[in-house]
Amino acid sequence: MQNEHDPGQFRMPVGREGRSLLAEMNDHHRSLSEWALSKLPDVKCEKVLDIGCGGGMLISLISRRFRNADIYGIDISEESVALTKETNSGLVAEGRCHISVDSVSDLPFKEGTFDLVTAFETYFFWPDLENDMRKAASVVKKGGYIVVVSETYPHPDFKERNDEIVRVYGLNLVDNAFMTDMLKRYGMDVTVSEIEEKNWVAFVGRKR
């Protein structure tokens, strides 16, 4: 988290400051995103949804891995949607990338729509985590995947730092066992990967 920005911008980027933050996050989260995507098995995806698309960097990475996939991105921030479209302007022009202002709490998609759903650096801002994760899981096809990623999770070595992040930014951090159990309840077989010294975690769930 970059402390020079208004904490509210992390939940809802707006205006020039929001645009600056999103550009920084595109750079800051690239290594995390590349690492997390490497945990996904070698699968074919025709339709992908990125929940909380931010500045659009992850969609760019996804498009390179799944070169024939239709990719959808949603975010509650109009600034995020605008920058994601700019970052992926070629994909948008090709008709492969579809970005909209929408919320995880009210996904505009039918159940079983996507081969892959991603949620990177976003779950901790969701209004109703358990219900919203249930909805995210519901739009995954049987045999499809959901990938949930965070660069922060509860760990004694990072407690002081993480407690301050929670206080300042209003994050709802949950421990890895809670996230795993929740995904399992919503029909997923789950693999958890961590880089403990970085406090990174990736949950890869396959829909039963």
N, C-alpha and C. Protein backbone atom coordinates (compact mmCIF):
# COMPACT_ATOMS: atom_id res chain seq x y z
N MET A 1 0.84 -1.19 0.00
CA MET A 1 0.00 0.00 0.00
C MET A 1 0.89 1.25 0.00
N GLN A 2 0.53 2.24 -0.84
CA GLN A 2 1.31 3.46 -0.92
C GLN A 2 0.65 4.53 -0.06
N ASN A 3 1.31 4.91 1.03
CA ASN A 3 0.69 5.77 2.02
C ASN A 3 0.49 7.21 1.58
N GLU A 4 1.13 7.65 0.46
CA GLU A 4 0.98 9.03 0.05
C GLU A 4 -0.40 9.31 -0.54
N HIS A 5 -1.18 8.27 -0.80
CA HIS A 5 -2.52 8.45 -1.37
C HIS A 5 -3.58 8.45 -0.28
N ASP A 6 -4.65 9.16 -0.56
CA ASP A 6 -5.83 9.12 0.31
C ASP A 6 -6.28 7.67 0.43
N PRO A 7 -6.42 7.15 1.66
CA PRO A 7 -6.82 5.75 1.83
C PRO A 7 -8.09 5.37 1.09
N GLY A 8 -9.02 6.33 0.96
CA GLY A 8 -10.27 6.03 0.27
C GLY A 8 -10.08 5.71 -1.20
N GLN A 9 -8.96 6.14 -1.78
CA GLN A 9 -8.71 5.88 -3.19
C GLN A 9 -8.48 4.39 -3.46
N PHE A 10 -8.04 3.66 -2.47
CA PHE A 10 -7.78 2.23 -2.67
C PHE A 10 -9.08 1.45 -2.84
N ARG A 11 -10.10 1.89 -2.15
CA ARG A 11 -11.41 1.24 -2.28
C ARG A 11 -12.14 1.70 -3.54
N MET A 12 -12.01 3.00 -3.85
CA MET A 12 -12.74 3.59 -4.97
C MET A 12 -11.89 4.68 -5.62
N PRO A 13 -11.01 4.29 -6.55
CA PRO A 13 -10.17 5.30 -7.21
C PRO A 13 -11.02 6.27 -8.02
N VAL A 14 -10.76 7.57 -7.82
CA VAL A 14 -11.48 8.60 -8.57
C VAL A 14 -10.51 9.70 -8.96
N GLY A 15 -10.79 10.35 -10.08
CA GLY A 15 -10.06 11.53 -10.47
C GLY A 15 -8.60 11.30 -10.78
N ARG A 16 -7.84 12.41 -10.78
CA ARG A 16 -6.43 12.35 -11.14
C ARG A 16 -5.64 11.51 -10.15
N GLU A 17 -5.93 11.65 -8.86
CA GLU A 17 -5.21 10.85 -7.87
C GLU A 17 -5.52 9.38 -8.03
N GLY A 18 -6.77 9.06 -8.30
CA GLY A 18 -7.14 7.67 -8.52
C GLY A 18 -6.44 7.08 -9.73
N ARG A 19 -6.34 7.87 -10.80
CA ARG A 19 -5.64 7.41 -12.00
C ARG A 19 -4.17 7.15 -11.71
N SER A 20 -3.54 8.04 -10.92
CA SER A 20 -2.14 7.87 -10.55
C SER A 20 -1.94 6.60 -9.73
N LEU A 21 -2.84 6.38 -8.77
CA LEU A 21 -2.75 5.18 -7.93
C LEU A 21 -2.90 3.92 -8.76
N LEU A 22 -3.85 3.90 -9.68
CA LEU A 22 -4.08 2.71 -10.51
C LEU A 22 -2.85 2.40 -11.37
N ALA A 23 -2.22 3.44 -11.91
CA ALA A 23 -1.01 3.22 -12.70
C ALA A 23 0.10 2.63 -11.84
N GLU A 24 0.23 3.12 -10.62
CA GLU A 24 1.23 2.57 -9.70
C GLU A 24 0.92 1.12 -9.36
N MET A 25 -0.34 0.81 -9.17
CA MET A 25 -0.73 -0.55 -8.83
C MET A 25 -0.48 -1.51 -10.00
N ASN A 26 -0.65 -1.02 -11.23
CA ASN A 26 -0.32 -1.86 -12.38
C ASN A 26 1.13 -2.33 -12.31
N ASP A 27 2.02 -1.43 -11.91
CA ASP A 27 3.43 -1.79 -11.78
C ASP A 27 3.68 -2.62 -10.52
N HIS A 28 3.12 -2.17 -9.41
CA HIS A 28 3.40 -2.79 -8.11
C HIS A 28 2.92 -4.23 -8.04
N HIS A 29 1.80 -4.53 -8.67
CA HIS A 29 1.20 -5.87 -8.55
C HIS A 29 1.59 -6.82 -9.67
N ARG A 30 2.43 -6.39 -10.58
CA ARG A 30 2.76 -7.24 -11.72
C ARG A 30 3.44 -8.55 -11.28
N SER A 31 4.44 -8.46 -10.43
CA SER A 31 5.14 -9.67 -9.99
C SER A 31 4.21 -10.61 -9.24
N LEU A 32 3.39 -10.05 -8.37
CA LEU A 32 2.39 -10.85 -7.64
C LEU A 32 1.46 -11.55 -8.63
N SER A 33 1.01 -10.83 -9.63
CA SER A 33 0.06 -11.38 -10.60
C SER A 33 0.70 -12.47 -11.45
N GLU A 34 1.92 -12.25 -11.89
CA GLU A 34 2.61 -13.27 -12.68
C GLU A 34 2.82 -14.53 -11.87
N TRP A 35 3.22 -14.36 -10.61
CA TRP A 35 3.41 -15.52 -9.73
C TRP A 35 2.09 -16.27 -9.54
N ALA A 36 1.03 -15.55 -9.26
CA ALA A 36 -0.25 -16.21 -8.99
C ALA A 36 -0.78 -16.94 -10.22
N LEU A 37 -0.68 -16.32 -11.38
CA LEU A 37 -1.14 -16.99 -12.60
C LEU A 37 -0.33 -18.24 -12.89
N SER A 38 0.92 -18.27 -12.46
CA SER A 38 1.75 -19.47 -12.68
C SER A 38 1.25 -20.66 -11.88
N LYS A 39 0.41 -20.41 -10.88
CA LYS A 39 -0.15 -21.50 -10.07
C LYS A 39 -1.38 -22.13 -10.71
N LEU A 40 -1.87 -21.51 -11.77
CA LEU A 40 -3.03 -22.06 -12.47
C LEU A 40 -2.56 -23.20 -13.39
N PRO A 41 -3.23 -24.34 -13.36
CA PRO A 41 -2.83 -25.45 -14.25
C PRO A 41 -2.90 -25.05 -15.72
N ASP A 42 -2.31 -25.86 -16.56
CA ASP A 42 -2.31 -25.62 -18.00
C ASP A 42 -3.68 -26.02 -18.55
N VAL A 43 -4.57 -25.04 -18.56
CA VAL A 43 -5.95 -25.29 -18.97
C VAL A 43 -6.31 -24.37 -20.13
N LYS A 44 -7.38 -24.73 -20.84
CA LYS A 44 -7.90 -23.89 -21.91
C LYS A 44 -9.06 -23.07 -21.36
N CYS A 45 -9.05 -21.79 -21.69
CA CYS A 45 -10.12 -20.90 -21.24
C CYS A 45 -10.66 -20.14 -22.43
N GLU A 46 -11.97 -20.21 -22.62
CA GLU A 46 -12.61 -19.46 -23.69
C GLU A 46 -13.26 -18.18 -23.17
N LYS A 47 -13.56 -18.15 -21.85
CA LYS A 47 -14.25 -17.00 -21.29
C LYS A 47 -13.73 -16.76 -19.88
N VAL A 48 -13.25 -15.53 -19.63
CA VAL A 48 -12.60 -15.20 -18.36
C VAL A 48 -13.24 -13.93 -17.80
N LEU A 49 -13.39 -13.90 -16.47
CA LEU A 49 -13.88 -12.71 -15.77
C LEU A 49 -12.86 -12.28 -14.73
N ASP A 50 -12.47 -11.00 -14.76
CA ASP A 50 -11.62 -10.42 -13.72
C ASP A 50 -12.46 -9.48 -12.88
N ILE A 51 -12.64 -9.82 -11.62
CA ILE A 51 -13.44 -9.02 -10.69
C ILE A 51 -12.51 -8.02 -9.99
N GLY A 52 -12.84 -6.74 -10.11
CA GLY A 52 -11.98 -5.70 -9.55
C GLY A 52 -10.77 -5.49 -10.45
N CYS A 53 -11.03 -5.09 -11.71
CA CYS A 53 -9.98 -5.08 -12.72
C CYS A 53 -8.95 -3.97 -12.54
N GLY A 54 -9.22 -3.00 -11.66
CA GLY A 54 -8.21 -1.98 -11.35
C GLY A 54 -7.74 -1.25 -12.59
N GLY A 55 -6.41 -1.24 -12.80
CA GLY A 55 -5.85 -0.53 -13.94
C GLY A 55 -5.69 -1.38 -15.18
N GLY A 56 -6.09 -2.66 -15.13
CA GLY A 56 -6.13 -3.49 -16.32
C GLY A 56 -4.90 -4.32 -16.61
N MET A 57 -3.88 -4.25 -15.74
CA MET A 57 -2.65 -5.01 -15.98
C MET A 57 -2.91 -6.51 -16.01
N LEU A 58 -3.72 -7.00 -15.07
CA LEU A 58 -3.97 -8.44 -15.02
C LEU A 58 -4.65 -8.92 -16.29
N ILE A 59 -5.58 -8.15 -16.80
CA ILE A 59 -6.26 -8.55 -18.03
C ILE A 59 -5.26 -8.66 -19.18
N SER A 60 -4.28 -7.78 -19.21
CA SER A 60 -3.23 -7.89 -20.23
C SER A 60 -2.47 -9.21 -20.10
N LEU A 61 -2.13 -9.58 -18.87
CA LEU A 61 -1.43 -10.85 -18.66
C LEU A 61 -2.30 -12.04 -19.06
N ILE A 62 -3.57 -11.99 -18.68
CA ILE A 62 -4.48 -13.08 -19.01
C ILE A 62 -4.62 -13.23 -20.52
N SER A 63 -4.67 -12.09 -21.23
CA SER A 63 -4.86 -12.15 -22.68
C SER A 63 -3.68 -12.79 -23.38
N ARG A 64 -2.50 -12.66 -22.80
CA ARG A 64 -1.31 -13.28 -23.40
C ARG A 64 -1.27 -14.78 -23.15
N ARG A 65 -1.80 -15.19 -22.02
CA ARG A 65 -1.82 -16.63 -21.73
C ARG A 65 -2.95 -17.33 -22.48
N PHE A 66 -4.10 -16.70 -22.53
CA PHE A 66 -5.27 -17.29 -23.19
C PHE A 66 -5.60 -16.44 -24.41
N ARG A 67 -4.92 -16.72 -25.52
CA ARG A 67 -4.91 -15.81 -26.66
C ARG A 67 -6.21 -15.78 -27.44
N ASN A 68 -7.07 -16.75 -27.23
CA ASN A 68 -8.34 -16.77 -27.94
C ASN A 68 -9.54 -16.52 -27.02
N ALA A 69 -9.26 -16.20 -25.77
CA ALA A 69 -10.35 -16.05 -24.80
C ALA A 69 -11.03 -14.69 -24.92
N ASP A 70 -12.33 -14.69 -24.66
CA ASP A 70 -13.06 -13.44 -24.42
C ASP A 70 -12.90 -13.10 -22.95
N ILE A 71 -12.49 -11.87 -22.69
CA ILE A 71 -12.16 -11.47 -21.32
C ILE A 71 -13.09 -10.35 -20.88
N TYR A 72 -13.69 -10.55 -19.72
CA TYR A 72 -14.58 -9.55 -19.13
C TYR A 72 -13.93 -9.01 -17.86
N GLY A 73 -14.08 -7.72 -17.64
CA GLY A 73 -13.59 -7.12 -16.41
C GLY A 73 -14.64 -6.21 -15.82
N ILE A 74 -14.77 -6.26 -14.50
CA ILE A 74 -15.70 -5.35 -13.82
C ILE A 74 -14.98 -4.64 -12.70
N ASP A 75 -15.46 -3.46 -12.37
CA ASP A 75 -14.95 -2.70 -11.23
C ASP A 75 -16.02 -1.70 -10.83
N ILE A 76 -16.06 -1.33 -9.56
CA ILE A 76 -17.04 -0.34 -9.11
C ILE A 76 -16.57 1.08 -9.42
N SER A 77 -15.30 1.23 -9.80
CA SER A 77 -14.72 2.54 -10.07
C SER A 77 -14.76 2.86 -11.56
N GLU A 78 -15.36 3.98 -11.92
CA GLU A 78 -15.37 4.41 -13.31
C GLU A 78 -13.95 4.71 -13.79
N GLU A 79 -13.11 5.22 -12.92
CA GLU A 79 -11.72 5.49 -13.29
C GLU A 79 -10.99 4.20 -13.61
N SER A 80 -11.23 3.16 -12.83
CA SER A 80 -10.62 1.86 -13.10
C SER A 80 -11.07 1.31 -14.45
N VAL A 81 -12.35 1.40 -14.72
CA VAL A 81 -12.88 0.89 -15.98
C VAL A 81 -12.26 1.66 -17.16
N ALA A 82 -12.14 2.98 -17.02
CA ALA A 82 -11.57 3.78 -18.10
C ALA A 82 -10.11 3.41 -18.36
N LEU A 83 -9.33 3.26 -17.28
CA LEU A 83 -7.91 2.94 -17.47
C LEU A 83 -7.74 1.51 -17.98
N THR A 84 -8.56 0.58 -17.51
CA THR A 84 -8.48 -0.79 -18.02
C THR A 84 -8.74 -0.83 -19.53
N LYS A 85 -9.71 -0.05 -19.99
CA LYS A 85 -9.99 0.01 -21.43
C LYS A 85 -8.80 0.59 -22.18
N GLU A 86 -8.17 1.61 -21.62
CA GLU A 86 -7.00 2.22 -22.27
C GLU A 86 -5.83 1.25 -22.29
N THR A 87 -5.58 0.59 -21.15
CA THR A 87 -4.47 -0.35 -21.05
C THR A 87 -4.62 -1.49 -22.04
N ASN A 88 -5.86 -1.86 -22.32
CA ASN A 88 -6.14 -2.99 -23.21
C ASN A 88 -6.91 -2.54 -24.45
N SER A 89 -6.54 -1.38 -24.98
CA SER A 89 -7.29 -0.78 -26.09
C SER A 89 -7.30 -1.69 -27.32
N GLY A 90 -6.19 -2.38 -27.57
CA GLY A 90 -6.15 -3.29 -28.72
C GLY A 90 -7.14 -4.43 -28.57
N LEU A 91 -7.20 -5.00 -27.37
CA LEU A 91 -8.15 -6.09 -27.11
C LEU A 91 -9.59 -5.61 -27.22
N VAL A 92 -9.84 -4.40 -26.71
CA VAL A 92 -11.18 -3.83 -26.81
C VAL A 92 -11.57 -3.65 -28.27
N ALA A 93 -10.64 -3.13 -29.07
CA ALA A 93 -10.91 -2.91 -30.49
C ALA A 93 -11.18 -4.22 -31.23
N GLU A 94 -10.50 -5.29 -30.79
CA GLU A 94 -10.70 -6.60 -31.40
C GLU A 94 -12.03 -7.24 -31.00
N GLY A 95 -12.66 -6.69 -29.98
CA GLY A 95 -13.89 -7.28 -29.47
C GLY A 95 -13.67 -8.41 -28.49
N ARG A 96 -12.43 -8.57 -28.01
CA ARG A 96 -12.10 -9.65 -27.07
C ARG A 96 -12.20 -9.21 -25.62
N CYS A 97 -12.29 -7.91 -25.36
CA CYS A 97 -12.22 -7.41 -23.99
C CYS A 97 -13.45 -6.54 -23.73
N HIS A 98 -14.16 -6.87 -22.66
CA HIS A 98 -15.44 -6.22 -22.34
C HIS A 98 -15.37 -5.74 -20.88
N ILE A 99 -15.35 -4.43 -20.69
CA ILE A 99 -15.15 -3.85 -19.36
C ILE A 99 -16.37 -3.03 -18.97
N SER A 100 -16.82 -3.17 -17.73
CA SER A 100 -18.01 -2.45 -17.30
C SER A 100 -17.93 -2.09 -15.83
N VAL A 101 -18.70 -1.06 -15.46
CA VAL A 101 -18.85 -0.68 -14.06
C VAL A 101 -19.92 -1.58 -13.45
N ASP A 102 -19.47 -2.51 -12.62
CA ASP A 102 -20.38 -3.44 -11.95
C ASP A 102 -19.76 -3.86 -10.63
N SER A 103 -20.57 -4.46 -9.78
CA SER A 103 -20.14 -4.90 -8.46
C SER A 103 -20.21 -6.42 -8.34
N VAL A 104 -19.28 -6.98 -7.58
CA VAL A 104 -19.32 -8.41 -7.29
C VAL A 104 -20.62 -8.79 -6.59
N SER A 105 -21.21 -7.84 -5.88
CA SER A 105 -22.46 -8.12 -5.17
C SER A 105 -23.65 -8.27 -6.09
N ASP A 106 -23.50 -7.84 -7.34
CA ASP A 106 -24.60 -7.90 -8.30
C ASP A 106 -24.04 -8.22 -9.68
N LEU A 107 -23.43 -9.38 -9.80
CA LEU A 107 -22.78 -9.76 -11.06
C LEU A 107 -23.82 -9.90 -12.18
N PRO A 108 -23.56 -9.29 -13.33
CA PRO A 108 -24.53 -9.34 -14.44
C PRO A 108 -24.31 -10.53 -15.37
N PHE A 109 -24.02 -11.70 -14.77
CA PHE A 109 -23.72 -12.89 -15.57
C PHE A 109 -24.50 -14.08 -15.01
N LYS A 110 -24.80 -15.01 -15.89
CA LYS A 110 -25.51 -16.22 -15.49
C LYS A 110 -24.55 -17.18 -14.79
N GLU A 111 -25.11 -18.06 -14.00
CA GLU A 111 -24.30 -19.09 -13.35
C GLU A 111 -23.61 -19.96 -14.40
N GLY A 112 -22.38 -20.37 -14.09
CA GLY A 112 -21.65 -21.26 -14.98
C GLY A 112 -21.21 -20.63 -16.29
N THR A 113 -20.95 -19.34 -16.30
CA THR A 113 -20.60 -18.63 -17.53
C THR A 113 -19.11 -18.74 -17.89
N PHE A 114 -18.22 -18.78 -16.88
CA PHE A 114 -16.80 -18.57 -17.13
C PHE A 114 -15.95 -19.80 -16.84
N ASP A 115 -14.92 -19.96 -17.68
CA ASP A 115 -13.91 -20.99 -17.43
C ASP A 115 -12.95 -20.57 -16.32
N LEU A 116 -12.78 -19.27 -16.15
CA LEU A 116 -11.85 -18.74 -15.14
C LEU A 116 -12.40 -17.43 -14.61
N VAL A 117 -12.39 -17.31 -13.28
CA VAL A 117 -12.72 -16.05 -12.60
C VAL A 117 -11.53 -15.68 -11.73
N THR A 118 -11.09 -14.43 -11.82
CA THR A 118 -9.97 -13.97 -11.01
C THR A 118 -10.41 -12.83 -10.10
N ALA A 119 -9.80 -12.78 -8.92
CA ALA A 119 -10.04 -11.71 -7.96
C ALA A 119 -8.71 -11.43 -7.26
N PHE A 120 -7.97 -10.46 -7.79
CA PHE A 120 -6.63 -10.15 -7.30
C PHE A 120 -6.66 -8.84 -6.52
N GLU A 121 -6.20 -8.90 -5.29
CA GLU A 121 -6.08 -7.70 -4.45
C GLU A 121 -7.41 -6.95 -4.35
N THR A 122 -8.48 -7.69 -4.06
CA THR A 122 -9.80 -7.04 -4.05
C THR A 122 -10.77 -7.59 -3.01
N TYR A 123 -10.65 -8.87 -2.62
CA TYR A 123 -11.69 -9.46 -1.78
C TYR A 123 -11.90 -8.70 -0.49
N PHE A 124 -10.83 -8.09 0.04
CA PHE A 124 -10.90 -7.44 1.36
C PHE A 124 -11.70 -6.14 1.34
N PHE A 125 -12.13 -5.69 0.15
CA PHE A 125 -13.02 -4.53 0.04
C PHE A 125 -14.45 -4.92 -0.28
N TRP A 126 -14.73 -6.21 -0.46
CA TRP A 126 -16.08 -6.61 -0.85
C TRP A 126 -17.07 -6.36 0.29
N PRO A 127 -18.26 -5.86 -0.04
CA PRO A 127 -19.21 -5.47 1.00
C PRO A 127 -19.67 -6.61 1.91
N ASP A 128 -19.86 -7.80 1.34
CA ASP A 128 -20.36 -8.96 2.09
C ASP A 128 -19.57 -10.17 1.61
N LEU A 129 -18.40 -10.40 2.22
CA LEU A 129 -17.43 -11.33 1.66
C LEU A 129 -18.01 -12.70 1.35
N GLU A 130 -18.70 -13.30 2.29
CA GLU A 130 -19.17 -14.67 2.08
C GLU A 130 -20.22 -14.73 0.97
N ASN A 131 -21.15 -13.81 0.99
CA ASN A 131 -22.18 -13.80 -0.06
C ASN A 131 -21.57 -13.43 -1.41
N ASP A 132 -20.65 -12.47 -1.41
CA ASP A 132 -20.03 -12.04 -2.67
C ASP A 132 -19.14 -13.14 -3.25
N MET A 133 -18.44 -13.88 -2.38
CA MET A 133 -17.63 -14.97 -2.89
C MET A 133 -18.51 -16.10 -3.42
N ARG A 134 -19.63 -16.32 -2.79
CA ARG A 134 -20.59 -17.31 -3.31
C ARG A 134 -21.03 -16.93 -4.72
N LYS A 135 -21.31 -15.65 -4.94
CA LYS A 135 -21.73 -15.20 -6.27
C LYS A 135 -20.60 -15.34 -7.27
N ALA A 136 -19.37 -15.00 -6.86
CA ALA A 136 -18.23 -15.15 -7.76
C ALA A 136 -18.04 -16.60 -8.16
N ALA A 137 -18.16 -17.50 -7.19
CA ALA A 137 -18.01 -18.93 -7.47
C ALA A 137 -19.14 -19.45 -8.35
N SER A 138 -20.31 -18.86 -8.24
CA SER A 138 -21.47 -19.38 -8.98
C SER A 138 -21.34 -19.16 -10.49
N VAL A 139 -20.56 -18.18 -10.92
CA VAL A 139 -20.44 -17.93 -12.36
C VAL A 139 -19.31 -18.73 -13.00
N VAL A 140 -18.63 -19.58 -12.20
CA VAL A 140 -17.60 -20.48 -12.71
C VAL A 140 -18.27 -21.75 -13.23
N LYS A 141 -17.86 -22.20 -14.42
CA LYS A 141 -18.37 -23.46 -14.97
C LYS A 141 -17.88 -24.64 -14.14
N LYS A 142 -18.59 -25.75 -14.20
CA LYS A 142 -18.08 -26.99 -13.62
C LYS A 142 -16.78 -27.35 -14.32
N GLY A 143 -15.76 -27.63 -13.52
CA GLY A 143 -14.45 -27.90 -14.07
C GLY A 143 -13.62 -26.65 -14.30
N GLY A 144 -14.23 -25.47 -14.14
CA GLY A 144 -13.53 -24.20 -14.28
C GLY A 144 -12.83 -23.80 -13.00
N TYR A 145 -12.19 -22.65 -13.04
CA TYR A 145 -11.32 -22.22 -11.93
C TYR A 145 -11.66 -20.83 -11.44
N ILE A 146 -11.39 -20.63 -10.15
CA ILE A 146 -11.38 -19.30 -9.55
C ILE A 146 -10.01 -19.12 -8.90
N VAL A 147 -9.43 -17.93 -9.07
CA VAL A 147 -8.14 -17.63 -8.46
C VAL A 147 -8.30 -16.36 -7.63
N VAL A 148 -8.05 -16.48 -6.34
CA VAL A 148 -8.16 -15.35 -5.39
C VAL A 148 -6.77 -15.08 -4.84
N VAL A 149 -6.32 -13.84 -4.93
CA VAL A 149 -4.92 -13.52 -4.62
C VAL A 149 -4.84 -12.29 -3.74
N SER A 150 -3.91 -12.33 -2.78
CA SER A 150 -3.65 -11.17 -1.93
C SER A 150 -2.17 -11.10 -1.60
N GLU A 151 -1.65 -9.88 -1.52
CA GLU A 151 -0.26 -9.70 -1.10
C GLU A 151 -0.17 -9.54 0.41
N THR A 152 -1.29 -9.74 1.10
CA THR A 152 -1.35 -9.59 2.56
C THR A 152 -2.30 -10.63 3.13
N TYR A 153 -1.84 -11.37 4.12
CA TYR A 153 -2.74 -12.27 4.85
C TYR A 153 -2.28 -12.34 6.31
N PRO A 154 -3.17 -12.68 7.23
CA PRO A 154 -2.79 -12.70 8.64
C PRO A 154 -1.64 -13.66 8.90
N HIS A 155 -0.57 -13.14 9.48
CA HIS A 155 0.62 -13.93 9.79
C HIS A 155 1.35 -13.23 10.93
N PRO A 156 1.80 -13.98 11.93
CA PRO A 156 2.44 -13.34 13.10
C PRO A 156 3.65 -12.49 12.74
N ASP A 157 4.40 -12.85 11.72
CA ASP A 157 5.59 -12.08 11.35
C ASP A 157 5.24 -10.71 10.78
N PHE A 158 4.00 -10.56 10.31
CA PHE A 158 3.59 -9.30 9.69
C PHE A 158 2.46 -8.62 10.47
N LYS A 159 2.23 -9.05 11.72
CA LYS A 159 1.06 -8.59 12.45
C LYS A 159 1.02 -7.08 12.62
N GLU A 160 2.12 -6.48 13.03
CA GLU A 160 2.12 -5.03 13.27
C GLU A 160 1.81 -4.27 11.98
N ARG A 161 2.48 -4.66 10.89
CA ARG A 161 2.24 -4.00 9.61
C ARG A 161 0.81 -4.21 9.14
N ASN A 162 0.34 -5.45 9.21
CA ASN A 162 -1.00 -5.75 8.71
C ASN A 162 -2.09 -5.11 9.54
N ASP A 163 -1.89 -5.05 10.86
CA ASP A 163 -2.87 -4.37 11.71
C ASP A 163 -2.99 -2.90 11.33
N GLU A 164 -1.87 -2.28 10.99
CA GLU A 164 -1.90 -0.87 10.58
C GLU A 164 -2.60 -0.71 9.23
N ILE A 165 -2.35 -1.62 8.31
CA ILE A 165 -3.02 -1.58 7.01
C ILE A 165 -4.53 -1.71 7.18
N VAL A 166 -4.94 -2.65 8.02
CA VAL A 166 -6.37 -2.84 8.27
C VAL A 166 -6.98 -1.57 8.87
N ARG A 167 -6.26 -0.96 9.80
CA ARG A 167 -6.77 0.25 10.46
C ARG A 167 -6.90 1.41 9.48
N VAL A 168 -5.88 1.63 8.67
CA VAL A 168 -5.86 2.80 7.79
C VAL A 168 -6.79 2.63 6.59
N TYR A 169 -6.78 1.43 5.98
CA TYR A 169 -7.48 1.24 4.72
C TYR A 169 -8.82 0.52 4.86
N GLY A 170 -9.12 0.03 6.06
CA GLY A 170 -10.40 -0.62 6.28
C GLY A 170 -10.53 -1.97 5.61
N LEU A 171 -9.41 -2.70 5.50
CA LEU A 171 -9.45 -4.02 4.87
C LEU A 171 -10.11 -5.05 5.77
N ASN A 172 -10.78 -5.99 5.15
CA ASN A 172 -11.31 -7.16 5.85
C ASN A 172 -10.43 -8.35 5.50
N LEU A 173 -9.32 -8.51 6.23
CA LEU A 173 -8.43 -9.64 5.98
C LEU A 173 -8.94 -10.87 6.69
N VAL A 174 -8.93 -12.01 6.00
CA VAL A 174 -9.32 -13.27 6.63
C VAL A 174 -8.15 -14.24 6.51
N ASP A 175 -8.06 -15.16 7.45
CA ASP A 175 -6.93 -16.08 7.41
C ASP A 175 -7.13 -17.10 6.31
N ASN A 176 -6.05 -17.78 5.97
CA ASN A 176 -6.07 -18.66 4.81
C ASN A 176 -7.01 -19.85 4.99
N ALA A 177 -7.13 -20.33 6.21
CA ALA A 177 -8.04 -21.45 6.46
C ALA A 177 -9.49 -21.03 6.23
N PHE A 178 -9.84 -19.81 6.64
CA PHE A 178 -11.20 -19.32 6.43
C PHE A 178 -11.50 -19.21 4.94
N MET A 179 -10.58 -18.62 4.18
CA MET A 179 -10.79 -18.48 2.74
C MET A 179 -10.92 -19.85 2.07
N THR A 180 -10.06 -20.77 2.46
CA THR A 180 -10.10 -22.11 1.87
C THR A 180 -11.43 -22.79 2.17
N ASP A 181 -11.87 -22.74 3.42
CA ASP A 181 -13.13 -23.38 3.80
C ASP A 181 -14.32 -22.74 3.07
N MET A 182 -14.28 -21.42 2.92
CA MET A 182 -15.36 -20.74 2.23
C MET A 182 -15.45 -21.18 0.76
N LEU A 183 -14.32 -21.23 0.09
CA LEU A 183 -14.31 -21.66 -1.31
C LEU A 183 -14.78 -23.11 -1.44
N LYS A 184 -14.39 -23.94 -0.50
CA LYS A 184 -14.85 -25.33 -0.52
C LYS A 184 -16.36 -25.41 -0.37
N ARG A 185 -16.93 -24.59 0.50
CA ARG A 185 -18.38 -24.57 0.69
C ARG A 185 -19.11 -24.20 -0.60
N TYR A 186 -18.45 -23.41 -1.43
CA TYR A 186 -19.07 -22.96 -2.67
C TYR A 186 -18.67 -23.81 -3.86
N GLY A 187 -18.26 -25.05 -3.59
CA GLY A 187 -18.10 -26.04 -4.64
C GLY A 187 -16.73 -26.17 -5.23
N MET A 188 -15.71 -25.67 -4.54
CA MET A 188 -14.35 -25.67 -5.08
C MET A 188 -13.45 -26.68 -4.37
N ASP A 189 -12.60 -27.35 -5.15
CA ASP A 189 -11.43 -28.02 -4.60
C ASP A 189 -10.30 -27.02 -4.64
N VAL A 190 -9.60 -26.81 -3.53
CA VAL A 190 -8.73 -25.64 -3.37
C VAL A 190 -7.28 -26.04 -3.14
N THR A 191 -6.40 -25.35 -3.84
CA THR A 191 -4.96 -25.42 -3.60
C THR A 191 -4.49 -24.05 -3.14
N VAL A 192 -3.71 -24.02 -2.06
CA VAL A 192 -3.21 -22.76 -1.50
C VAL A 192 -1.71 -22.68 -1.70
N SER A 193 -1.25 -21.57 -2.25
CA SER A 193 0.18 -21.33 -2.42
C SER A 193 0.55 -20.05 -1.67
N GLU A 194 1.68 -20.08 -0.99
CA GLU A 194 2.14 -18.92 -0.23
C GLU A 194 3.60 -18.65 -0.55
N ILE A 195 3.98 -17.38 -0.51
CA ILE A 195 5.38 -16.99 -0.36
C ILE A 195 5.44 -16.30 0.99
N GLU A 196 5.79 -17.06 1.99
CA GLU A 196 5.64 -16.61 3.37
C GLU A 196 6.46 -15.36 3.66
N GLU A 197 7.68 -15.28 3.11
CA GLU A 197 8.53 -14.13 3.43
C GLU A 197 8.02 -12.84 2.80
N LYS A 198 7.15 -12.94 1.79
CA LYS A 198 6.54 -11.76 1.18
C LYS A 198 5.12 -11.52 1.68
N ASN A 199 4.55 -12.51 2.39
CA ASN A 199 3.17 -12.44 2.86
C ASN A 199 2.17 -12.50 1.69
N TRP A 200 2.55 -13.23 0.62
CA TRP A 200 1.68 -13.41 -0.53
C TRP A 200 0.92 -14.73 -0.42
N VAL A 201 -0.30 -14.74 -0.94
CA VAL A 201 -1.08 -15.97 -0.97
C VAL A 201 -1.93 -16.02 -2.23
N ALA A 202 -2.06 -17.21 -2.80
CA ALA A 202 -2.94 -17.44 -3.95
C ALA A 202 -3.77 -18.68 -3.69
N PHE A 203 -5.07 -18.55 -3.84
CA PHE A 203 -6.01 -19.66 -3.72
C PHE A 203 -6.49 -20.03 -5.12
N VAL A 204 -6.27 -21.25 -5.53
CA VAL A 204 -6.76 -21.73 -6.82
C VAL A 204 -7.84 -22.77 -6.57
N GLY A 205 -9.05 -22.46 -6.96
CA GLY A 205 -10.17 -23.37 -6.75
C GLY A 205 -10.69 -23.92 -8.06
N ARG A 206 -10.94 -25.22 -8.10
CA ARG A 206 -11.52 -25.87 -9.28
C ARG A 206 -12.94 -26.30 -8.94
N LYS A 207 -13.89 -25.91 -9.77
CA LYS A 207 -15.31 -26.16 -9.51
C LYS A 207 -15.61 -27.65 -9.69
N ARG A 208 -16.17 -28.24 -8.63
CA ARG A 208 -16.54 -29.66 -8.69
C ARG A 208 -17.76 -29.87 -9.58
